Amino acid sequence: MLNVERMAKGWSGLLGAALVWGAVAGTVCAQEKVPLELKLPAPTLKGTPEDLPSGPNIEPLSDKPRPPFYVPKGVTNVALGKPVTASVQPFTGELSQITDGKKEAFDYDAVEFRRGTQWVQVDLGQPYKIYAIVMWHDHRYLQIFRDVIVQVSNDPEFKEGVITLFNNDTDNSSGLGVGTDREYFETHHGKIVDGKGVTARYVRCYTRGSSQSALNCWQEIEVYALPAS
């Protein structure tokens, strides 16, 4: 009887280990990473200004390809066609253009807002696990946008459960906290912000003018995610 009991315990242990290994393997497969593939607009065919901003808080302009950004296999742009609201109404363009998939360096693809710290917000319709947020503010000109802040939340008013994913406002001039990220030049490549797999329904993005103009501008926001469930 003792041998039978030992054998039963042995098989039970092997079965438990197999189940654990299967769960781990399933998780690994579910999180298989692949390079994020973006449909980029055409480069802006304009010369490089000689008086570009510079400083320790500005990413140097590079002509080298951007390193791959890895995301879980199966992510899609869940912001495409989703409704957009803003702190103020644009005086050029429509809010719906910010998630319409069009981001070429044309005047009619740019949505412009008045000066000061302003935000645009995308309602994804339901909570998603967000892995990347990609932004194009205005690559018609080689410029740097100020106080770029990206936040997510499940609260449409962003009063509770707010997570900041990117903030390059190093002097807190927009009043949302001191940021540690660097400013960057607008190009047709856009800016990829790591979503870190956080779960949220709403994406809110701030700017406060640029090195080119005191006005704010947006061309496109893309959110690459998987359903939260």
Protein backbone atom coordinates (compact mmCIF):
# COMPACT_ATOMS: atom_id res chain seq x y z
CA MET A 1 0.00 0.00 0.00
CA LEU A 2 2.88 2.37 0.79
CA ASN A 3 4.33 1.90 -2.69
CA VAL A 4 0.94 2.65 -4.27
CA GLU A 5 0.57 5.78 -2.18
CA ARG A 6 4.08 6.91 -3.12
CA MET A 7 3.39 6.33 -6.79
CA ALA A 8 0.13 8.26 -6.56
CA LYS A 9 1.89 11.17 -4.86
CA GLY A 10 4.61 11.04 -7.50
CA TRP A 11 2.13 11.19 -10.36
CA SER A 12 0.25 13.94 -8.58
CA GLY A 13 3.46 15.98 -8.28
CA LEU A 14 4.32 15.45 -11.93
CA LEU A 15 0.81 16.47 -12.98
CA GLY A 16 1.01 19.61 -10.83
CA ALA A 17 4.38 20.52 -12.30
CA ALA A 18 3.05 19.95 -15.81
CA LEU A 19 0.07 22.21 -15.13
CA VAL A 20 2.33 24.94 -13.76
CA TRP A 21 4.68 24.65 -16.73
CA GLY A 22 1.73 24.76 -19.11
CA ALA A 23 0.44 27.93 -17.49
CA VAL A 24 3.88 29.54 -17.68
CA ALA A 25 4.31 28.50 -21.31
CA GLY A 26 0.87 29.85 -22.13
CA THR A 27 1.73 33.19 -20.54
CA VAL A 28 4.99 33.38 -22.47
CA CYS A 29 3.20 32.62 -25.74
CA ALA A 30 0.50 35.18 -24.92
CA GLN A 31 3.20 37.80 -24.35
CA GLU A 32 5.28 37.00 -27.42
CA LYS A 33 6.93 40.27 -28.42
CA VAL A 34 7.23 41.60 -31.96
CA PRO A 35 8.49 44.93 -33.37
CA LEU A 36 5.77 47.58 -33.55
CA GLU A 37 4.93 48.20 -37.19
CA LEU A 38 3.79 51.73 -37.99
CA LYS A 39 2.43 53.18 -41.19
CA LEU A 40 4.57 56.29 -41.40
CA PRO A 41 3.70 59.41 -43.38
CA ALA A 42 6.07 60.72 -46.02
CA PRO A 43 9.05 62.76 -44.79
CA THR A 44 8.68 66.52 -44.89
CA LEU A 45 10.67 67.77 -47.86
CA LYS A 46 11.99 70.91 -46.21
CA GLY A 47 15.49 71.98 -45.35
CA THR A 48 16.86 71.80 -41.82
CA PRO A 49 16.86 75.23 -40.10
CA GLU A 50 20.24 76.39 -38.89
CA ASP A 51 18.98 77.70 -35.55
CA LEU A 52 17.54 74.47 -34.13
CA PRO A 53 17.02 74.40 -30.35
CA SER A 54 19.71 72.59 -28.40
CA GLY A 55 20.49 71.71 -24.81
CA PRO A 56 20.88 68.82 -22.38
CA ASN A 57 17.10 68.31 -22.17
CA ILE A 58 16.68 67.90 -25.95
CA GLU A 59 17.19 64.64 -27.80
CA PRO A 60 19.71 65.23 -30.60
CA LEU A 61 18.25 65.04 -34.07
CA SER A 62 19.35 61.75 -35.64
CA ASP A 63 19.34 60.53 -39.23
CA LYS A 64 19.67 56.89 -38.15
CA PRO A 65 16.70 54.48 -38.17
CA ARG A 66 14.81 54.27 -34.90
CA PRO A 67 15.52 51.08 -32.92
CA PRO A 68 12.64 48.57 -32.94
CA PHE A 69 10.04 49.04 -30.21
CA TYR A 70 8.68 45.69 -29.06
CA VAL A 71 5.05 45.05 -28.17
CA PRO A 72 3.00 41.90 -27.51
CA LYS A 73 1.94 40.14 -30.68
CA GLY A 74 -1.62 41.02 -31.72
CA VAL A 75 -1.79 44.65 -30.61
CA THR A 76 -3.81 46.97 -32.85
CA ASN A 77 -4.40 50.71 -33.02
CA VAL A 78 -7.51 50.89 -30.86
CA ALA A 79 -7.66 54.70 -31.16
CA LEU A 80 -8.50 54.64 -34.86
CA GLY A 81 -11.85 56.35 -35.42
CA LYS A 82 -12.48 56.82 -31.69
CA PRO A 83 -14.04 60.08 -30.39
CA VAL A 84 -11.78 62.95 -29.36
CA THR A 85 -12.48 65.79 -26.94
CA ALA A 86 -10.25 68.73 -26.01
CA SER A 87 -9.72 71.52 -23.50
CA VAL A 88 -10.68 74.01 -26.24
CA GLN A 89 -12.12 73.71 -29.71
CA PRO A 90 -9.65 73.92 -32.59
CA PHE A 91 -9.70 76.95 -34.85
CA THR A 92 -8.30 74.91 -37.76
CA GLY A 93 -9.43 71.37 -38.53
CA GLU A 94 -11.73 68.99 -36.67
CA LEU A 95 -11.10 66.90 -33.54
CA SER A 96 -12.05 63.73 -35.41
CA GLN A 97 -8.96 64.18 -37.59
CA ILE A 98 -6.72 63.30 -34.65
CA THR A 99 -7.77 59.64 -34.88
CA ASP A 100 -8.62 59.35 -38.58
CA GLY A 101 -5.36 57.65 -39.58
CA LYS A 102 -4.19 60.57 -41.72
CA LYS A 103 -0.94 62.16 -40.64
CA GLU A 104 0.74 63.55 -43.73
CA ALA A 105 2.53 66.91 -43.59
CA PHE A 106 -0.35 68.77 -45.22
CA ASP A 107 -2.09 71.83 -43.85
CA TYR A 108 -5.48 70.13 -44.04
CA ASP A 109 -4.23 67.23 -41.87
CA ALA A 110 -3.23 69.58 -39.03
CA VAL A 111 -5.59 70.46 -36.18
CA GLU A 112 -4.56 73.73 -34.52
CA PHE A 113 -5.49 75.12 -31.10
CA ARG A 114 -4.91 78.39 -29.29
CA ARG A 115 -1.87 79.05 -27.12
CA GLY A 116 -1.34 77.97 -23.52
CA THR A 117 -1.39 74.48 -22.05
CA GLN A 118 -4.08 72.52 -23.91
CA TRP A 119 -5.06 68.87 -24.04
CA VAL A 120 -6.75 66.43 -26.36
CA GLN A 121 -8.36 63.22 -25.10
CA VAL A 122 -9.22 59.95 -26.83
CA ASP A 123 -12.02 57.72 -25.52
CA LEU A 124 -11.07 54.15 -26.44
CA GLY A 125 -14.61 52.96 -25.63
CA GLN A 126 -13.49 50.40 -23.06
CA PRO A 127 -10.42 49.64 -20.96
CA TYR A 128 -7.41 48.27 -22.82
CA LYS A 129 -3.94 47.12 -21.87
CA ILE A 130 -1.89 49.85 -23.50
CA TYR A 131 1.59 49.05 -24.78
CA ALA A 132 2.41 52.03 -27.01
CA ILE A 133 1.06 55.50 -27.71
CA VAL A 134 2.36 57.13 -30.87
CA MET A 135 2.00 60.87 -31.48
CA TRP A 136 2.42 63.21 -34.39
CA HIS A 137 1.97 66.85 -33.37
CA ASP A 138 3.12 68.69 -36.46
CA HIS A 139 5.91 67.41 -38.67
CA ARG A 140 5.31 70.05 -41.34
CA TYR A 141 8.19 71.85 -39.65
CA LEU A 142 11.21 70.63 -37.74
CA GLN A 143 10.29 71.82 -34.26
CA ILE A 144 10.04 70.87 -30.60
CA PHE A 145 6.72 70.88 -28.75
CA ARG A 146 6.80 72.07 -25.17
CA ASP A 147 5.34 70.40 -22.08
CA VAL A 148 4.41 67.18 -23.83
CA ILE A 149 2.57 65.15 -21.18
CA VAL A 150 0.80 61.84 -21.78
CA GLN A 151 -1.59 60.48 -19.17
CA VAL A 152 -4.10 57.63 -19.03
CA SER A 153 -7.02 56.92 -16.72
CA ASN A 154 -10.36 55.16 -16.43
CA ASP A 155 -11.84 58.45 -15.20
CA PRO A 156 -12.95 60.69 -18.11
CA GLU A 157 -12.31 63.79 -15.97
CA PHE A 158 -8.80 62.63 -14.98
CA LYS A 159 -9.41 63.29 -11.30
CA GLU A 160 -8.74 59.72 -10.12
CA GLY A 161 -6.45 56.88 -11.11
CA VAL A 162 -4.27 59.03 -13.36
CA ILE A 163 -1.05 57.46 -14.63
CA THR A 164 1.57 59.65 -16.32
CA LEU A 165 3.47 57.81 -19.04
CA PHE A 166 5.50 60.72 -20.43
CA ASN A 167 6.32 64.23 -19.17
CA ASN A 168 9.02 66.55 -20.51
CA ASP A 169 7.80 69.63 -18.61
CA THR A 170 10.98 70.02 -16.54
CA ASP A 171 9.96 73.31 -14.93
CA ASN A 172 6.33 72.41 -14.15
CA SER A 173 5.10 75.34 -16.25
CA SER A 174 1.91 73.39 -17.05
CA GLY A 175 1.26 72.59 -13.38
CA LEU A 176 1.09 68.80 -13.74
CA GLY A 177 4.33 67.98 -12.01
CA VAL A 178 8.00 68.13 -12.93
CA GLY A 179 8.84 65.79 -15.81
CA THR A 180 12.07 63.89 -16.38
CA ASP A 181 11.67 63.01 -20.07
CA ARG A 182 13.51 64.89 -22.80
CA GLU A 183 12.12 67.16 -25.49
CA TYR A 184 12.35 65.85 -29.06
CA PHE A 185 12.10 67.03 -32.64
CA GLU A 186 8.95 66.43 -34.62
CA THR A 187 9.58 64.17 -37.63
CA HIS A 188 7.47 61.87 -39.78
CA HIS A 189 8.52 58.99 -37.49
CA GLY A 190 6.33 60.32 -34.67
CA LYS A 191 7.06 59.77 -31.00
CA ILE A 192 6.53 56.37 -29.35
CA VAL A 193 5.58 56.45 -25.67
CA ASP A 194 5.85 53.19 -23.73
CA GLY A 195 2.40 52.24 -22.40
CA LYS A 196 3.94 49.67 -20.03
CA GLY A 197 0.84 47.48 -20.29
CA VAL A 198 -1.26 49.73 -18.04
CA THR A 199 -5.02 49.33 -18.26
CA ALA A 200 -7.05 52.43 -19.12
CA ARG A 201 -9.92 53.67 -21.27
CA TYR A 202 -8.95 57.32 -21.74
CA VAL A 203 -5.75 58.83 -23.13
CA ARG A 204 -5.07 62.52 -22.54
CA CYS A 205 -2.15 64.37 -24.16
CA TYR A 206 -0.99 67.90 -23.32
CA THR A 207 1.17 70.47 -25.14
CA ARG A 208 2.08 74.10 -24.58
CA GLY A 209 3.16 75.50 -27.91
CA SER A 210 6.39 74.73 -29.72
CA SER A 211 9.74 76.19 -30.69
CA GLN A 212 8.06 77.29 -33.91
CA SER A 213 4.86 78.83 -32.55
CA ALA A 214 2.94 79.55 -29.34
CA LEU A 215 0.00 77.66 -30.86
CA ASN A 216 -0.72 73.97 -30.26
CA CYS A 217 -1.14 71.45 -33.04
CA TRP A 218 -2.02 67.79 -33.54
CA GLN A 219 -1.99 65.48 -36.53
CA GLU A 220 -2.55 61.99 -35.10
CA ILE A 221 -2.67 59.85 -31.96
CA GLU A 222 -2.40 56.07 -32.19
CA VAL A 223 -2.81 53.68 -29.25
CA TYR A 224 -1.55 50.13 -29.62
CA ALA A 225 -3.21 47.83 -27.12
CA LEU A 226 -4.94 44.54 -26.32
CA PRO A 227 -8.38 44.11 -24.72
CA ALA A 228 -8.15 44.27 -20.95
CA SER A 229 -10.19 41.09 -20.58
